[in-house]
Amino acid sequence: MPATTSTSAPSTSTPSTPLPTFDRAEVDVVATERRGLLWVFGSFVLCPCHLPLTLGVLATVLGGTSLGALLRDHAWVAGTVITLTWLLGTAYGFRLLRRAQRTGGACPVREP
């Protein structure tokens, strides 16, 4: 008994409603807000309240290297650098979030 094969092409139906279009400004606002949130959440890792944990992890990871010895000998300098990095990263993240908010927020609602 011979096998039958189907030669019909898969159906390519078009959607009944058109896909939404976004202009470049809306995409930039969403990207700016996401970058701002990423900076704020990324800086949270370097928060000064986590400084003992951060220094402990860095000392463990860098143990046995010249950077580990530098960290051990200059813990105050390392703590200051980590704190300043947190402060600058958080400030930059909030700046990006304010810029996104000033330009209309991430999800502007269009009136029909």
PDB file of N, CA and C in Angstrom:
ATOM      1  N   MET A   1       0.834  -1.149   0.000  1.00  0.00           N
ATOM      2  CA  MET A   1       0.000   0.000   0.000  1.00  0.00           C
ATOM      3  C   MET A   1       0.898   1.237   0.000  1.00  0.00           C
ATOM      4  N   PRO A   2       0.769   2.127  -0.968  1.00  0.00           N
ATOM      5  CA  PRO A   2       1.662   3.284  -1.048  1.00  0.00           C
ATOM      6  C   PRO A   2       1.266   4.340  -0.011  1.00  0.00           C
ATOM      7  N   ALA A   3       2.303   5.019   0.499  1.00  0.00           N
ATOM      8  CA  ALA A   3       2.074   6.083   1.489  1.00  0.00           C
ATOM      9  C   ALA A   3       1.640   7.345   0.774  1.00  0.00           C
ATOM     10  N   THR A   4       0.703   8.017   1.339  1.00  0.00           N
ATOM     11  CA  THR A   4       0.244   9.263   0.738  1.00  0.00           C
ATOM     12  C   THR A   4       0.902  10.432   1.456  1.00  0.00           C
ATOM     13  N   THR A   5       1.270  11.419   0.698  1.00  0.00           N
ATOM     14  CA  THR A   5       1.877  12.613   1.290  1.00  0.00           C
ATOM     15  C   THR A   5       1.018  13.806   0.960  1.00  0.00           C
ATOM     16  N   SER A   6       0.986  14.700   1.852  1.00  0.00           N
ATOM     17  CA  SER A   6       0.211  15.915   1.651  1.00  0.00           C
ATOM     18  C   SER A   6       1.120  16.971   1.037  1.00  0.00           C
ATOM     19  N   THR A   7       0.664  17.584  -0.012  1.00  0.00           N
ATOM     20  CA  THR A   7       1.475  18.601  -0.675  1.00  0.00           C
ATOM     21  C   THR A   7       0.938  20.003  -0.437  1.00  0.00           C
ATOM     22  N   SER A   8       0.006  20.129   0.481  1.00  0.00           N
ATOM     23  CA  SER A   8      -0.546  21.466   0.714  1.00  0.00           C
ATOM     24  C   SER A   8       0.446  22.289   1.544  1.00  0.00           C
ATOM     25  N   ALA A   9       0.557  23.540   1.187  1.00  0.00           N
ATOM     26  CA  ALA A   9       1.473  24.450   1.880  1.00  0.00           C
ATOM     27  C   ALA A   9       0.843  24.872   3.201  1.00  0.00           C
ATOM     28  N   PRO A  10       1.684  25.162   4.176  1.00  0.00           N
ATOM     29  CA  PRO A  10       1.127  25.613   5.444  1.00  0.00           C
ATOM     30  C   PRO A  10       0.396  26.939   5.248  1.00  0.00           C
ATOM     31  N   SER A  11      -0.676  27.096   5.976  1.00  0.00           N
ATOM     32  CA  SER A  11      -1.464  28.309   5.805  1.00  0.00           C
ATOM     33  C   SER A  11      -0.774  29.477   6.482  1.00  0.00           C
ATOM     34  N   THR A  12      -0.699  30.563   5.774  1.00  0.00           N
ATOM     35  CA  THR A  12      -0.112  31.790   6.323  1.00  0.00           C
ATOM     36  C   THR A  12      -1.219  32.814   6.402  1.00  0.00           C
ATOM     37  N   SER A  13      -1.895  32.803   7.519  1.00  0.00           N
ATOM     38  CA  SER A  13      -2.998  33.739   7.678  1.00  0.00           C
ATOM     39  C   SER A  13      -2.469  35.050   8.232  1.00  0.00           C
ATOM     40  N   THR A  14      -3.043  36.108   7.779  1.00  0.00           N
ATOM     41  CA  THR A  14      -2.653  37.412   8.283  1.00  0.00           C
ATOM     42  C   THR A  14      -3.526  37.753   9.471  1.00  0.00           C
ATOM     43  N   PRO A  15      -2.960  38.440  10.434  1.00  0.00           N
ATOM     44  CA  PRO A  15      -3.778  38.771  11.604  1.00  0.00           C
ATOM     45  C   PRO A  15      -4.906  39.724  11.222  1.00  0.00           C
ATOM     46  N   SER A  16      -6.029  39.573  11.898  1.00  0.00           N
ATOM     47  CA  SER A  16      -7.185  40.398  11.570  1.00  0.00           C
ATOM     48  C   SER A  16      -7.007  41.826  12.068  1.00  0.00           C
ATOM     49  N   THR A  17      -6.218  42.013  13.130  1.00  0.00           N
ATOM     50  CA  THR A  17      -5.937  43.364  13.606  1.00  0.00           C
ATOM     51  C   THR A  17      -4.476  43.686  13.329  1.00  0.00           C
ATOM     52  N   PRO A  18      -4.205  44.891  12.912  1.00  0.00           N
ATOM     53  CA  PRO A  18      -2.807  45.233  12.623  1.00  0.00           C
ATOM     54  C   PRO A  18      -1.991  45.304  13.907  1.00  0.00           C
ATOM     55  N   LEU A  19      -0.718  45.006  13.794  1.00  0.00           N
ATOM     56  CA  LEU A  19       0.175  45.082  14.932  1.00  0.00           C
ATOM     57  C   LEU A  19       0.414  46.536  15.292  1.00  0.00           C
ATOM     58  N   PRO A  20       0.574  46.836  16.572  1.00  0.00           N
ATOM     59  CA  PRO A  20       0.804  48.229  16.950  1.00  0.00           C
ATOM     60  C   PRO A  20       2.165  48.703  16.458  1.00  0.00           C
ATOM     61  N   THR A  21       2.217  49.936  16.104  1.00  0.00           N
ATOM     62  CA  THR A  21       3.485  50.511  15.673  1.00  0.00           C
ATOM     63  C   THR A  21       3.949  51.497  16.734  1.00  0.00           C
ATOM     64  N   PHE A  22       5.227  51.557  16.909  1.00  0.00           N
ATOM     65  CA  PHE A  22       5.812  52.443  17.899  1.00  0.00           C
ATOM     66  C   PHE A  22       6.764  53.383  17.179  1.00  0.00           C
ATOM     67  N   ASP A  23       6.682  54.638  17.536  1.00  0.00           N
ATOM     68  CA  ASP A  23       7.639  55.552  16.942  1.00  0.00           C
ATOM     69  C   ASP A  23       8.935  55.516  17.750  1.00  0.00           C
ATOM     70  N   ARG A  24       9.953  56.097  17.195  1.00  0.00           N
ATOM     71  CA  ARG A  24      11.290  56.021  17.782  1.00  0.00           C
ATOM     72  C   ARG A  24      11.338  56.637  19.186  1.00  0.00           C
ATOM     73  N   ALA A  25      10.567  57.689  19.424  1.00  0.00           N
ATOM     74  CA  ALA A  25      10.590  58.351  20.726  1.00  0.00           C
ATOM     75  C   ALA A  25      10.074  57.428  21.824  1.00  0.00           C
ATOM     76  N   GLU A  26       9.014  56.657  21.548  1.00  0.00           N
ATOM     77  CA  GLU A  26       8.471  55.742  22.548  1.00  0.00           C
ATOM     78  C   GLU A  26       9.475  54.647  22.870  1.00  0.00           C
ATOM     79  N   VAL A  27      10.149  54.154  21.861  1.00  0.00           N
ATOM     80  CA  VAL A  27      11.143  53.102  22.078  1.00  0.00           C
ATOM     81  C   VAL A  27      12.303  53.646  22.901  1.00  0.00           C
ATOM     82  N   ASP A  28      12.728  54.878  22.626  1.00  0.00           N
ATOM     83  CA  ASP A  28      13.812  55.480  23.391  1.00  0.00           C
ATOM     84  C   ASP A  28      13.431  55.674  24.851  1.00  0.00           C
ATOM     85  N   VAL A  29      12.179  56.050  25.112  1.00  0.00           N
ATOM     86  CA  VAL A  29      11.726  56.254  26.486  1.00  0.00           C
ATOM     87  C   VAL A  29      11.764  54.934  27.247  1.00  0.00           C
ATOM     88  N   VAL A  30      11.272  53.879  26.633  1.00  0.00           N
ATOM     89  CA  VAL A  30      11.268  52.560  27.286  1.00  0.00           C
ATOM     90  C   VAL A  30      12.698  52.092  27.526  1.00  0.00           C
ATOM     91  N   ALA A  31      13.566  52.277  26.545  1.00  0.00           N
ATOM     92  CA  ALA A  31      14.960  51.863  26.700  1.00  0.00           C
ATOM     93  C   ALA A  31      15.653  52.669  27.792  1.00  0.00           C
ATOM     94  N   THR A  32      15.360  53.960  27.870  1.00  0.00           N
ATOM     95  CA  THR A  32      15.961  54.802  28.893  1.00  0.00           C
ATOM     96  C   THR A  32      15.499  54.379  30.278  1.00  0.00           C
ATOM     97  N   GLU A  33      14.207  54.080  30.413  1.00  0.00           N
ATOM     98  CA  GLU A  33      13.711  53.645  31.721  1.00  0.00           C
ATOM     99  C   GLU A  33      14.317  52.297  32.114  1.00  0.00           C
ATOM    100  N   ARG A  34      14.424  51.392  31.195  1.00  0.00           N
ATOM    101  CA  ARG A  34      15.015  50.078  31.510  1.00  0.00           C
ATOM    102  C   ARG A  34      16.481  50.211  31.895  1.00  0.00           C
ATOM    103  N   ARG A  35      17.216  51.065  31.168  1.00  0.00           N
ATOM    104  CA  ARG A  35      18.620  51.291  31.525  1.00  0.00           C
ATOM    105  C   ARG A  35      18.731  51.910  32.912  1.00  0.00           C
ATOM    106  N   GLY A  36      17.836  52.832  33.240  1.00  0.00           N
ATOM    107  CA  GLY A  36      17.841  53.447  34.561  1.00  0.00           C
ATOM    108  C   GLY A  36      17.591  52.429  35.653  1.00  0.00           C
ATOM    109  N   LEU A  37      16.605  51.563  35.446  1.00  0.00           N
ATOM    110  CA  LEU A  37      16.327  50.517  36.436  1.00  0.00           C
ATOM    111  C   LEU A  37      17.500  49.561  36.572  1.00  0.00           C
ATOM    112  N   LEU A  38      18.139  49.244  35.463  1.00  0.00           N
ATOM    113  CA  LEU A  38      19.302  48.357  35.510  1.00  0.00           C
ATOM    114  C   LEU A  38      20.434  48.987  36.318  1.00  0.00           C
ATOM    115  N   TRP A  39      20.673  50.270  36.124  1.00  0.00           N
ATOM    116  CA  TRP A  39      21.710  50.967  36.890  1.00  0.00           C
ATOM    117  C   TRP A  39      21.368  50.986  38.379  1.00  0.00           C
ATOM    118  N   VAL A  40      20.116  51.264  38.720  1.00  0.00           N
ATOM    119  CA  VAL A  40      19.731  51.333  40.133  1.00  0.00           C
ATOM    120  C   VAL A  40      19.848  49.954  40.776  1.00  0.00           C
ATOM    121  N   PHE A  41      19.323  48.929  40.125  1.00  0.00           N
ATOM    122  CA  PHE A  41      19.392  47.588  40.701  1.00  0.00           C
ATOM    123  C   PHE A  41      20.822  47.051  40.710  1.00  0.00           C
ATOM    124  N   GLY A  42      21.590  47.377  39.687  1.00  0.00           N
ATOM    125  CA  GLY A  42      22.994  46.958  39.666  1.00  0.00           C
ATOM    126  C   GLY A  42      23.799  47.629  40.759  1.00  0.00           C
ATOM    127  N   SER A  43      23.504  48.886  41.027  1.00  0.00           N
ATOM    128  CA  SER A  43      24.206  49.602  42.094  1.00  0.00           C
ATOM    129  C   SER A  43      23.816  49.094  43.468  1.00  0.00           C
ATOM    130  N   PHE A  44      22.665  48.488  43.573  1.00  0.00           N
ATOM    131  CA  PHE A  44      22.219  47.931  44.852  1.00  0.00           C
ATOM    132  C   PHE A  44      23.213  46.906  45.383  1.00  0.00           C
ATOM    133  N   VAL A  45      23.889  46.203  44.485  1.00  0.00           N
ATOM    134  CA  VAL A  45      24.881  45.217  44.897  1.00  0.00           C
ATOM    135  C   VAL A  45      26.027  45.901  45.641  1.00  0.00           C
ATOM    136  N   LEU A  46      26.351  47.130  45.241  1.00  0.00           N
ATOM    137  CA  LEU A  46      27.454  47.860  45.849  1.00  0.00           C
ATOM    138  C   LEU A  46      27.013  48.787  46.975  1.00  0.00           C
ATOM    139  N   CYS A  47      25.794  48.645  47.446  1.00  0.00           N
ATOM    140  CA  CYS A  47      25.249  49.498  48.506  1.00  0.00           C
ATOM    141  C   CYS A  47      26.146  49.426  49.745  1.00  0.00           C
ATOM    142  N   PRO A  48      26.395  50.568  50.405  1.00  0.00           N
ATOM    143  CA  PRO A  48      27.255  50.558  51.595  1.00  0.00           C
ATOM    144  C   PRO A  48      26.743  49.676  52.731  1.00  0.00           C
ATOM    145  N   CYS A  49      25.450  49.430  52.806  1.00  0.00           N
ATOM    146  CA  CYS A  49      24.965  48.542  53.869  1.00  0.00           C
ATOM    147  C   CYS A  49      25.394  47.097  53.608  1.00  0.00           C
ATOM    148  N   HIS A  50      25.744  46.791  52.364  1.00  0.00           N
ATOM    149  CA  HIS A  50      26.256  45.457  52.028  1.00  0.00           C
ATOM    150  C   HIS A  50      27.779  45.431  51.987  1.00  0.00           C
ATOM    151  N   LEU A  51      28.422  46.507  52.413  1.00  0.00           N
ATOM    152  CA  LEU A  51      29.870  46.630  52.273  1.00  0.00           C
ATOM    153  C   LEU A  51      30.649  45.493  52.936  1.00  0.00           C
ATOM    154  N   PRO A  52      30.296  45.057  54.152  1.00  0.00           N
ATOM    155  CA  PRO A  52      31.043  43.919  54.712  1.00  0.00           C
ATOM    156  C   PRO A  52      30.932  42.662  53.848  1.00  0.00           C
ATOM    157  N   LEU A  53      29.741  42.417  53.310  1.00  0.00           N
ATOM    158  CA  LEU A  53      29.581  41.250  52.433  1.00  0.00           C
ATOM    159  C   LEU A  53      30.357  41.422  51.135  1.00  0.00           C
ATOM    160  N   THR A  54      30.282  42.625  50.555  1.00  0.00           N
ATOM    161  CA  THR A  54      30.986  42.886  49.303  1.00  0.00           C
ATOM    162  C   THR A  54      32.491  42.730  49.483  1.00  0.00           C
ATOM    163  N   LEU A  55      33.032  43.310  50.568  1.00  0.00           N
ATOM    164  CA  LEU A  55      34.472  43.173  50.819  1.00  0.00           C
ATOM    165  C   LEU A  55      34.855  41.722  51.089  1.00  0.00           C
ATOM    166  N   GLY A  56      33.988  40.986  51.791  1.00  0.00           N
ATOM    167  CA  GLY A  56      34.268  39.573  52.039  1.00  0.00           C
ATOM    168  C   GLY A  56      34.283  38.748  50.765  1.00  0.00           C
ATOM    169  N   VAL A  57      33.319  39.000  49.883  1.00  0.00           N
ATOM    170  CA  VAL A  57      33.274  38.270  48.608  1.00  0.00           C
ATOM    171  C   VAL A  57      34.483  38.632  47.752  1.00  0.00           C
ATOM    172  N   LEU A  58      34.795  39.920  47.678  1.00  0.00           N
ATOM    173  CA  LEU A  58      35.961  40.334  46.894  1.00  0.00           C
ATOM    174  C   LEU A  58      37.253  39.743  47.449  1.00  0.00           C
ATOM    175  N   ALA A  59      37.391  39.710  48.776  1.00  0.00           N
ATOM    176  CA  ALA A  59      38.589  39.130  49.386  1.00  0.00           C
ATOM    177  C   ALA A  59      38.683  37.634  49.090  1.00  0.00           C
ATOM    178  N   THR A  60      37.544  36.955  49.081  1.00  0.00           N
ATOM    179  CA  THR A  60      37.546  35.521  48.779  1.00  0.00           C
ATOM    180  C   THR A  60      37.887  35.263  47.323  1.00  0.00           C
ATOM    181  N   VAL A  61      37.260  36.029  46.424  1.00  0.00           N
ATOM    182  CA  VAL A  61      37.493  35.827  44.998  1.00  0.00           C
ATOM    183  C   VAL A  61      38.917  36.208  44.604  1.00  0.00           C
ATOM    184  N   LEU A  62      39.412  37.295  45.188  1.00  0.00           N
ATOM    185  CA  LEU A  62      40.739  37.789  44.809  1.00  0.00           C
ATOM    186  C   LEU A  62      41.850  37.250  45.704  1.00  0.00           C
ATOM    187  N   GLY A  63      41.521  36.348  46.642  1.00  0.00           N
ATOM    188  CA  GLY A  63      42.526  35.796  47.550  1.00  0.00           C
ATOM    189  C   GLY A  63      43.653  35.116  46.783  1.00  0.00           C
ATOM    190  N   GLY A  64      44.885  35.401  47.194  1.00  0.00           N
ATOM    191  CA  GLY A  64      46.042  34.807  46.544  1.00  0.00           C
ATOM    192  C   GLY A  64      46.539  35.595  45.352  1.00  0.00           C
ATOM    193  N   THR A  65      45.890  36.699  45.028  1.00  0.00           N
ATOM    194  CA  THR A  65      46.345  37.532  43.912  1.00  0.00           C
ATOM    195  C   THR A  65      46.865  38.855  44.470  1.00  0.00           C
ATOM    196  N   SER A  66      47.513  39.598  43.621  1.00  0.00           N
ATOM    197  CA  SER A  66      48.029  40.891  44.061  1.00  0.00           C
ATOM    198  C   SER A  66      46.880  41.858  44.368  1.00  0.00           C
ATOM    199  N   LEU A  67      45.759  41.725  43.647  1.00  0.00           N
ATOM    200  CA  LEU A  67      44.602  42.565  43.958  1.00  0.00           C
ATOM    201  C   LEU A  67      44.013  42.201  45.320  1.00  0.00           C
ATOM    202  N   GLY A  68      44.047  40.939  45.681  1.00  0.00           N
ATOM    203  CA  GLY A  68      43.576  40.517  46.996  1.00  0.00           C
ATOM    204  C   GLY A  68      44.438  41.089  48.106  1.00  0.00           C
ATOM    205  N   ALA A  69      45.749  41.098  47.903  1.00  0.00           N
ATOM    206  CA  ALA A  69      46.647  41.694  48.892  1.00  0.00           C
ATOM    207  C   ALA A  69      46.416  43.197  48.997  1.00  0.00           C
ATOM    208  N   LEU A  70      46.191  43.843  47.880  1.00  0.00           N
ATOM    209  CA  LEU A  70      45.909  45.274  47.876  1.00  0.00           C
ATOM    210  C   LEU A  70      44.600  45.564  48.613  1.00  0.00           C
ATOM    211  N   LEU A  71      43.606  44.741  48.396  1.00  0.00           N
ATOM    212  CA  LEU A  71      42.323  44.893  49.082  1.00  0.00           C
ATOM    213  C   LEU A  71      42.477  44.678  50.583  1.00  0.00           C
ATOM    214  N   ARG A  72      43.256  43.683  50.974  1.00  0.00           N
ATOM    215  CA  ARG A  72      43.470  43.395  52.391  1.00  0.00           C
ATOM    216  C   ARG A  72      44.216  44.534  53.083  1.00  0.00           C
ATOM    217  N   ASP A  73      45.211  45.080  52.422  1.00  0.00           N
ATOM    218  CA  ASP A  73      46.023  46.132  53.035  1.00  0.00           C
ATOM    219  C   ASP A  73      45.345  47.496  53.023  1.00  0.00           C
ATOM    220  N   HIS A  74      44.417  47.710  52.123  1.00  0.00           N
ATOM    221  CA  HIS A  74      43.771  49.020  51.984  1.00  0.00           C
ATOM    222  C   HIS A  74      42.249  48.865  51.978  1.00  0.00           C
ATOM    223  N   ALA A  75      41.711  48.278  53.022  1.00  0.00           N
ATOM    224  CA  ALA A  75      40.269  48.025  53.085  1.00  0.00           C
ATOM    225  C   ALA A  75      39.478  49.334  53.120  1.00  0.00           C
ATOM    226  N   TRP A  76      39.983  50.355  53.792  1.00  0.00           N
ATOM    227  CA  TRP A  76      39.273  51.638  53.851  1.00  0.00           C
ATOM    228  C   TRP A  76      39.183  52.275  52.472  1.00  0.00           C
ATOM    229  N   VAL A  77      40.263  52.209  51.720  1.00  0.00           N
ATOM    230  CA  VAL A  77      40.254  52.773  50.365  1.00  0.00           C
ATOM    231  C   VAL A  77      39.287  51.986  49.485  1.00  0.00           C
ATOM    232  N   ALA A  78      39.306  50.665  49.602  1.00  0.00           N
ATOM    233  CA  ALA A  78      38.397  49.833  48.814  1.00  0.00           C
ATOM    234  C   ALA A  78      36.946  50.125  49.182  1.00  0.00           C
ATOM    235  N   GLY A  79      36.669  50.285  50.481  1.00  0.00           N
ATOM    236  CA  GLY A  79      35.318  50.620  50.917  1.00  0.00           C
ATOM    237  C   GLY A  79      34.863  51.970  50.391  1.00  0.00           C
ATOM    238  N   THR A  80      35.775  52.932  50.380  1.00  0.00           N
ATOM    239  CA  THR A  80      35.452  54.261  49.850  1.00  0.00           C
ATOM    240  C   THR A  80      35.169  54.202  48.352  1.00  0.00           C
ATOM    241  N   VAL A  81      35.983  53.453  47.623  1.00  0.00           N
ATOM    242  CA  VAL A  81      35.783  53.328  46.168  1.00  0.00           C
ATOM    243  C   VAL A  81      34.462  52.623  45.867  1.00  0.00           C
ATOM    244  N   ILE A  82      34.156  51.576  46.611  1.00  0.00           N
ATOM    245  CA  ILE A  82      32.893  50.851  46.398  1.00  0.00           C
ATOM    246  C   ILE A  82      31.703  51.753  46.715  1.00  0.00           C
ATOM    247  N   THR A  83      31.804  52.531  47.802  1.00  0.00           N
ATOM    248  CA  THR A  83      30.710  53.431  48.174  1.00  0.00           C
ATOM    249  C   THR A  83      30.512  54.525  47.137  1.00  0.00           C
ATOM    250  N   LEU A  84      31.596  55.103  46.636  1.00  0.00           N
ATOM    251  CA  LEU A  84      31.485  56.131  45.601  1.00  0.00           C
ATOM    252  C   LEU A  84      30.920  55.556  44.301  1.00  0.00           C
ATOM    253  N   THR A  85      31.306  54.335  43.992  1.00  0.00           N
ATOM    254  CA  THR A  85      30.766  53.683  42.802  1.00  0.00           C
ATOM    255  C   THR A  85      29.267  53.468  42.951  1.00  0.00           C
ATOM    256  N   TRP A  86      28.832  53.059  44.140  1.00  0.00           N
ATOM    257  CA  TRP A  86      27.401  52.904  44.403  1.00  0.00           C
ATOM    258  C   TRP A  86      26.671  54.229  44.257  1.00  0.00           C
ATOM    259  N   LEU A  87      27.237  55.277  44.832  1.00  0.00           N
ATOM    260  CA  LEU A  87      26.595  56.583  44.790  1.00  0.00           C
ATOM    261  C   LEU A  87      26.455  57.095  43.358  1.00  0.00           C
ATOM    262  N   LEU A  88      27.511  56.986  42.582  1.00  0.00           N
ATOM    263  CA  LEU A  88      27.464  57.449  41.193  1.00  0.00           C
ATOM    264  C   LEU A  88      26.528  56.593  40.337  1.00  0.00           C
ATOM    265  N   GLY A  89      26.547  55.284  40.522  1.00  0.00           N
ATOM    266  CA  GLY A  89      25.667  54.407  39.756  1.00  0.00           C
ATOM    267  C   GLY A  89      24.204  54.630  40.073  1.00  0.00           C
ATOM    268  N   THR A  90      23.888  54.826  41.346  1.00  0.00           N
ATOM    269  CA  THR A  90      22.507  55.088  41.742  1.00  0.00           C
ATOM    270  C   THR A  90      22.038  56.435  41.217  1.00  0.00           C
ATOM    271  N   ALA A  91      22.895  57.451  41.331  1.00  0.00           N
ATOM    272  CA  ALA A  91      22.537  58.780  40.834  1.00  0.00           C
ATOM    273  C   ALA A  91      22.306  58.755  39.326  1.00  0.00           C
ATOM    274  N   TYR A  92      23.153  58.040  38.597  1.00  0.00           N
ATOM    275  CA  TYR A  92      22.984  57.948  37.153  1.00  0.00           C
ATOM    276  C   TYR A  92      21.697  57.198  36.791  1.00  0.00           C
ATOM    277  N   GLY A  93      21.379  56.140  37.537  1.00  0.00           N
ATOM    278  CA  GLY A  93      20.138  55.407  37.299  1.00  0.00           C
ATOM    279  C   GLY A  93      18.915  56.269  37.538  1.00  0.00           C
ATOM    280  N   PHE A  94      18.915  57.046  38.632  1.00  0.00           N
ATOM    281  CA  PHE A  94      17.795  57.944  38.898  1.00  0.00           C
ATOM    282  C   PHE A  94      17.713  59.047  37.855  1.00  0.00           C
ATOM    283  N   ARG A  95      18.845  59.490  37.362  1.00  0.00           N
ATOM    284  CA  ARG A  95      18.846  60.510  36.296  1.00  0.00           C
ATOM    285  C   ARG A  95      18.174  59.962  35.036  1.00  0.00           C
ATOM    286  N   LEU A  96      18.495  58.719  34.673  1.00  0.00           N
ATOM    287  CA  LEU A  96      17.858  58.108  33.513  1.00  0.00           C
ATOM    288  C   LEU A  96      16.360  57.918  33.732  1.00  0.00           C
ATOM    289  N   LEU A  97      15.968  57.532  34.934  1.00  0.00           N
ATOM    290  CA  LEU A  97      14.544  57.360  35.228  1.00  0.00           C
ATOM    291  C   LEU A  97      13.803  58.697  35.162  1.00  0.00           C
ATOM    292  N   ARG A  98      14.415  59.769  35.678  1.00  0.00           N
ATOM    293  CA  ARG A  98      13.775  61.083  35.589  1.00  0.00           C
ATOM    294  C   ARG A  98      13.669  61.544  34.144  1.00  0.00           C
ATOM    295  N   ARG A  99      14.694  61.259  33.344  1.00  0.00           N
ATOM    296  CA  ARG A  99      14.641  61.633  31.929  1.00  0.00           C
ATOM    297  C   ARG A  99      13.505  60.908  31.227  1.00  0.00           C
ATOM    298  N   ALA A 100      13.320  59.631  31.519  1.00  0.00           N
ATOM    299  CA  ALA A 100      12.221  58.868  30.914  1.00  0.00           C
ATOM    300  C   ALA A 100      10.877  59.411  31.382  1.00  0.00           C
ATOM    301  N   GLN A 101      10.785  59.794  32.642  1.00  0.00           N
ATOM    302  CA  GLN A 101       9.528  60.318  33.165  1.00  0.00           C
ATOM    303  C   GLN A 101       9.201  61.677  32.542  1.00  0.00           C
ATOM    304  N   ARG A 102      10.202  62.522  32.357  1.00  0.00           N
ATOM    305  CA  ARG A 102       9.970  63.839  31.761  1.00  0.00           C
ATOM    306  C   ARG A 102       9.511  63.746  30.316  1.00  0.00           C
ATOM    307  N   THR A 103       9.933  62.708  29.622  1.00  0.00           N
ATOM    308  CA  THR A 103       9.554  62.579  28.213  1.00  0.00           C
ATOM    309  C   THR A 103       8.277  61.788  28.008  1.00  0.00           C
ATOM    310  N   GLY A 104       7.547  61.534  29.075  1.00  0.00           N
ATOM    311  CA  GLY A 104       6.243  60.899  28.904  1.00  0.00           C
ATOM    312  C   GLY A 104       6.095  59.556  29.555  1.00  0.00           C
ATOM    313  N   GLY A 105       7.055  59.080  30.261  1.00  0.00           N
ATOM    314  CA  GLY A 105       6.933  57.793  30.926  1.00  0.00           C
ATOM    315  C   GLY A 105       7.122  56.635  29.951  1.00  0.00           C
ATOM    316  N   ALA A 106       7.212  55.457  30.488  1.00  0.00           N
ATOM    317  CA  ALA A 106       7.483  54.286  29.663  1.00  0.00           C
ATOM    318  C   ALA A 106       6.249  53.803  28.921  1.00  0.00           C
ATOM    319  N   CYS A 107       5.083  54.045  29.450  1.00  0.00           N
ATOM    320  CA  CYS A 107       3.869  53.520  28.835  1.00  0.00           C
ATOM    321  C   CYS A 107       2.876  54.652  28.581  1.00  0.00           C
ATOM    322  N   PRO A 108       3.152  55.505  27.630  1.00  0.00           N
ATOM    323  CA  PRO A 108       2.187  56.565  27.371  1.00  0.00           C
ATOM    324  C   PRO A 108       0.892  55.980  26.807  1.00  0.00           C
ATOM    325  N   VAL A 109      -0.206  56.529  27.236  1.00  0.00           N
ATOM    326  CA  VAL A 109      -1.514  56.057  26.792  1.00  0.00           C
ATOM    327  C   VAL A 109      -2.024  57.013  25.720  1.00  0.00           C
ATOM    328  N   ARG A 110      -2.332  56.456  24.591  1.00  0.00           N
ATOM    329  CA  ARG A 110      -2.870  57.262  23.502  1.00  0.00           C
ATOM    330  C   ARG A 110      -4.384  57.322  23.622  1.00  0.00           C
ATOM    331  N   GLU A 111      -4.910  58.480  23.395  1.00  0.00           N
ATOM    332  CA  GLU A 111      -6.362  58.609  23.396  1.00  0.00           C
ATOM    333  C   GLU A 111      -6.898  58.241  22.016  1.00  0.00           C
ATOM    334  N   PRO A 112      -8.024  57.542  21.985  1.00  0.00           N
ATOM    335  CA  PRO A 112      -8.561  57.106  20.686  1.00  0.00           C
ATOM    336  C   PRO A 112      -9.070  58.245  19.844  1.00  0.00           C
TER     337      PRO A 112
END
